[in-house]
Amino acid sequence: MFMAYANALINKKEEAVNWLNKSLDFGYAPYPFISKLETFHKVLKDEKGFHEYLNKVKKRAEEFVVD
């Protein structure tokens, strides 16, 4: 997430989305956090990959169950 955030700050959009997707590979899906973080939304709002990432993270968050 830190690498994605850093790349978003320097306007490397594709690299930021790439790092976001890498975080999913490790099971990290912080939907409540990412949905409120304005930096990603401001910088990546036009990136198709960012919206796909948000959909994946939201789905994982909705499916998360604690027994």
N, C-alpha and C. Protein backbone atom coordinates (compact mmCIF):
# COMPACT_ATOMS: atom_id res chain seq x y z
N MET A 1 0.82 -1.18 0.00
CA MET A 1 0.00 0.00 0.00
C MET A 1 0.88 1.25 0.00
N PHE A 2 1.97 1.20 0.77
CA PHE A 2 2.85 2.37 0.82
C PHE A 2 3.43 2.68 -0.55
N MET A 3 3.84 1.66 -1.27
CA MET A 3 4.41 1.88 -2.61
C MET A 3 3.35 2.43 -3.57
N ALA A 4 2.14 1.95 -3.45
CA ALA A 4 1.05 2.45 -4.29
C ALA A 4 0.80 3.93 -3.97
N TYR A 5 0.77 4.24 -2.70
CA TYR A 5 0.52 5.62 -2.28
C TYR A 5 1.64 6.54 -2.78
N ALA A 6 2.88 6.10 -2.62
CA ALA A 6 4.01 6.91 -3.06
C ALA A 6 3.97 7.15 -4.57
N ASN A 7 3.66 6.12 -5.33
CA ASN A 7 3.57 6.28 -6.79
C ASN A 7 2.41 7.17 -7.19
N ALA A 8 1.32 7.10 -6.47
CA ALA A 8 0.18 7.99 -6.75
C ALA A 8 0.58 9.44 -6.51
N LEU A 9 1.34 9.69 -5.46
CA LEU A 9 1.76 11.05 -5.13
C LEU A 9 2.65 11.66 -6.21
N ILE A 10 3.45 10.82 -6.88
CA ILE A 10 4.32 11.35 -7.94
C ILE A 10 3.72 11.14 -9.33
N ASN A 11 2.43 10.84 -9.34
CA ASN A 11 1.64 10.75 -10.57
C ASN A 11 2.04 9.59 -11.49
N LYS A 12 2.57 8.53 -10.92
CA LYS A 12 2.86 7.31 -11.68
C LYS A 12 1.66 6.39 -11.51
N LYS A 13 0.64 6.65 -12.30
CA LYS A 13 -0.66 6.01 -12.12
C LYS A 13 -0.63 4.50 -12.34
N GLU A 14 -0.05 4.07 -13.44
CA GLU A 14 -0.02 2.63 -13.73
C GLU A 14 0.76 1.87 -12.66
N GLU A 15 1.85 2.45 -12.21
CA GLU A 15 2.66 1.80 -11.18
C GLU A 15 1.89 1.74 -9.86
N ALA A 16 1.14 2.79 -9.55
CA ALA A 16 0.33 2.80 -8.33
C ALA A 16 -0.72 1.69 -8.36
N VAL A 17 -1.40 1.55 -9.48
CA VAL A 17 -2.40 0.49 -9.63
C VAL A 17 -1.73 -0.88 -9.54
N ASN A 18 -0.55 -1.01 -10.14
CA ASN A 18 0.19 -2.27 -10.07
C ASN A 18 0.47 -2.65 -8.61
N TRP A 19 0.91 -1.70 -7.80
CA TRP A 19 1.20 -1.99 -6.40
C TRP A 19 -0.08 -2.28 -5.62
N LEU A 20 -1.16 -1.63 -5.95
CA LEU A 20 -2.43 -1.95 -5.29
C LEU A 20 -2.82 -3.40 -5.55
N ASN A 21 -2.67 -3.82 -6.80
CA ASN A 21 -2.99 -5.20 -7.14
C ASN A 21 -2.04 -6.19 -6.48
N LYS A 22 -0.78 -5.81 -6.30
CA LYS A 22 0.16 -6.67 -5.59
C LYS A 22 -0.29 -6.86 -4.14
N SER A 23 -0.86 -5.84 -3.55
CA SER A 23 -1.33 -5.97 -2.17
C SER A 23 -2.46 -7.00 -2.09
N LEU A 24 -3.27 -7.09 -3.14
CA LEU A 24 -4.33 -8.10 -3.18
C LEU A 24 -3.75 -9.50 -3.26
N ASP A 25 -2.63 -9.65 -3.95
CA ASP A 25 -1.98 -10.96 -4.05
C ASP A 25 -1.58 -11.49 -2.68
N PHE A 26 -1.32 -10.58 -1.75
CA PHE A 26 -0.94 -10.97 -0.40
C PHE A 26 -2.13 -10.98 0.56
N GLY A 27 -3.34 -10.82 0.01
CA GLY A 27 -4.54 -10.91 0.83
C GLY A 27 -4.94 -9.62 1.52
N TYR A 28 -4.27 -8.53 1.20
CA TYR A 28 -4.57 -7.26 1.85
C TYR A 28 -5.67 -6.55 1.08
N ALA A 29 -6.85 -6.42 1.69
CA ALA A 29 -7.99 -5.80 1.03
C ALA A 29 -8.70 -4.84 1.98
N PRO A 30 -8.12 -3.66 2.18
CA PRO A 30 -8.65 -2.71 3.15
C PRO A 30 -9.72 -1.78 2.57
N TYR A 31 -10.86 -2.33 2.21
CA TYR A 31 -11.87 -1.51 1.53
C TYR A 31 -12.29 -0.26 2.30
N PRO A 32 -12.62 -0.35 3.59
CA PRO A 32 -13.03 0.88 4.29
C PRO A 32 -11.95 1.97 4.25
N PHE A 33 -10.69 1.55 4.37
CA PHE A 33 -9.58 2.51 4.33
C PHE A 33 -9.40 3.10 2.94
N ILE A 34 -9.31 2.25 1.95
CA ILE A 34 -9.03 2.71 0.59
C ILE A 34 -10.18 3.52 0.00
N SER A 35 -11.39 3.23 0.40
CA SER A 35 -12.54 3.95 -0.14
C SER A 35 -12.59 5.39 0.36
N LYS A 36 -11.89 5.67 1.46
CA LYS A 36 -11.90 7.03 2.03
C LYS A 36 -10.61 7.80 1.79
N LEU A 37 -9.61 7.16 1.24
CA LEU A 37 -8.32 7.81 1.04
C LEU A 37 -8.37 8.67 -0.23
N GLU A 38 -8.45 9.96 -0.05
CA GLU A 38 -8.67 10.88 -1.17
C GLU A 38 -7.54 10.93 -2.19
N THR A 39 -6.32 10.71 -1.75
CA THR A 39 -5.20 10.80 -2.69
C THR A 39 -5.38 9.83 -3.85
N PHE A 40 -5.72 8.58 -3.54
CA PHE A 40 -5.93 7.61 -4.61
C PHE A 40 -7.07 8.04 -5.53
N HIS A 41 -8.14 8.51 -4.96
CA HIS A 41 -9.30 8.87 -5.77
C HIS A 41 -9.02 10.09 -6.65
N LYS A 42 -8.28 11.05 -6.14
CA LYS A 42 -7.96 12.24 -6.94
C LYS A 42 -7.02 11.90 -8.09
N VAL A 43 -6.00 11.12 -7.81
CA VAL A 43 -4.98 10.83 -8.82
C VAL A 43 -5.42 9.74 -9.78
N LEU A 44 -6.08 8.71 -9.27
CA LEU A 44 -6.37 7.53 -10.08
C LEU A 44 -7.80 7.44 -10.58
N LYS A 45 -8.57 8.51 -10.43
CA LYS A 45 -10.00 8.46 -10.77
C LYS A 45 -10.28 8.07 -12.22
N ASP A 46 -9.35 8.34 -13.12
CA ASP A 46 -9.55 8.04 -14.54
C ASP A 46 -8.90 6.72 -14.96
N GLU A 47 -8.27 6.03 -14.03
CA GLU A 47 -7.59 4.77 -14.34
C GLU A 47 -8.56 3.60 -14.25
N LYS A 48 -8.74 2.89 -15.33
CA LYS A 48 -9.63 1.73 -15.36
C LYS A 48 -9.19 0.69 -14.32
N GLY A 49 -7.90 0.45 -14.23
CA GLY A 49 -7.37 -0.53 -13.30
C GLY A 49 -7.68 -0.21 -11.85
N PHE A 50 -7.76 1.07 -11.51
CA PHE A 50 -8.08 1.48 -10.15
C PHE A 50 -9.51 1.10 -9.81
N HIS A 51 -10.42 1.31 -10.74
CA HIS A 51 -11.83 0.97 -10.49
C HIS A 51 -12.02 -0.54 -10.42
N GLU A 52 -11.27 -1.28 -11.21
CA GLU A 52 -11.32 -2.74 -11.12
C GLU A 52 -10.80 -3.19 -9.76
N TYR A 53 -9.72 -2.57 -9.30
CA TYR A 53 -9.16 -2.87 -7.98
C TYR A 53 -10.20 -2.60 -6.89
N LEU A 54 -10.85 -1.44 -6.95
CA LEU A 54 -11.86 -1.11 -5.94
C LEU A 54 -12.98 -2.14 -5.90
N ASN A 55 -13.41 -2.59 -7.07
CA ASN A 55 -14.46 -3.60 -7.12
C ASN A 55 -14.00 -4.91 -6.48
N LYS A 56 -12.76 -5.32 -6.75
CA LYS A 56 -12.22 -6.55 -6.16
C LYS A 56 -12.13 -6.42 -4.63
N VAL A 57 -11.63 -5.28 -4.17
CA VAL A 57 -11.47 -5.07 -2.73
C VAL A 57 -12.83 -5.03 -2.03
N LYS A 58 -13.78 -4.37 -2.65
CA LYS A 58 -15.12 -4.29 -2.06
C LYS A 58 -15.74 -5.69 -1.96
N LYS A 59 -15.58 -6.47 -3.02
CA LYS A 59 -16.14 -7.83 -3.02
C LYS A 59 -15.51 -8.67 -1.92
N ARG A 60 -14.19 -8.60 -1.78
CA ARG A 60 -13.51 -9.36 -0.72
C ARG A 60 -13.97 -8.92 0.66
N ALA A 61 -14.16 -7.62 0.84
CA ALA A 61 -14.61 -7.11 2.14
C ALA A 61 -16.02 -7.60 2.45
N GLU A 62 -16.89 -7.63 1.45
CA GLU A 62 -18.26 -8.08 1.65
C GLU A 62 -18.33 -9.58 1.93
N GLU A 63 -17.39 -10.34 1.37
CA GLU A 63 -17.39 -11.79 1.54
C GLU A 63 -16.64 -12.24 2.79
N PHE A 64 -15.95 -11.33 3.45
CA PHE A 64 -15.16 -11.68 4.62
C PHE A 64 -16.06 -12.09 5.77
N VAL A 65 -15.79 -13.26 6.32
CA VAL A 65 -16.60 -13.79 7.43
C VAL A 65 -15.69 -14.22 8.56
N VAL A 66 -16.05 -13.85 9.77
CA VAL A 66 -15.32 -14.29 10.94
C VAL A 66 -16.21 -15.25 11.70
N ASP A 67 -15.73 -16.46 11.91
CA ASP A 67 -16.51 -17.46 12.64
C ASP A 67 -16.19 -17.43 14.12
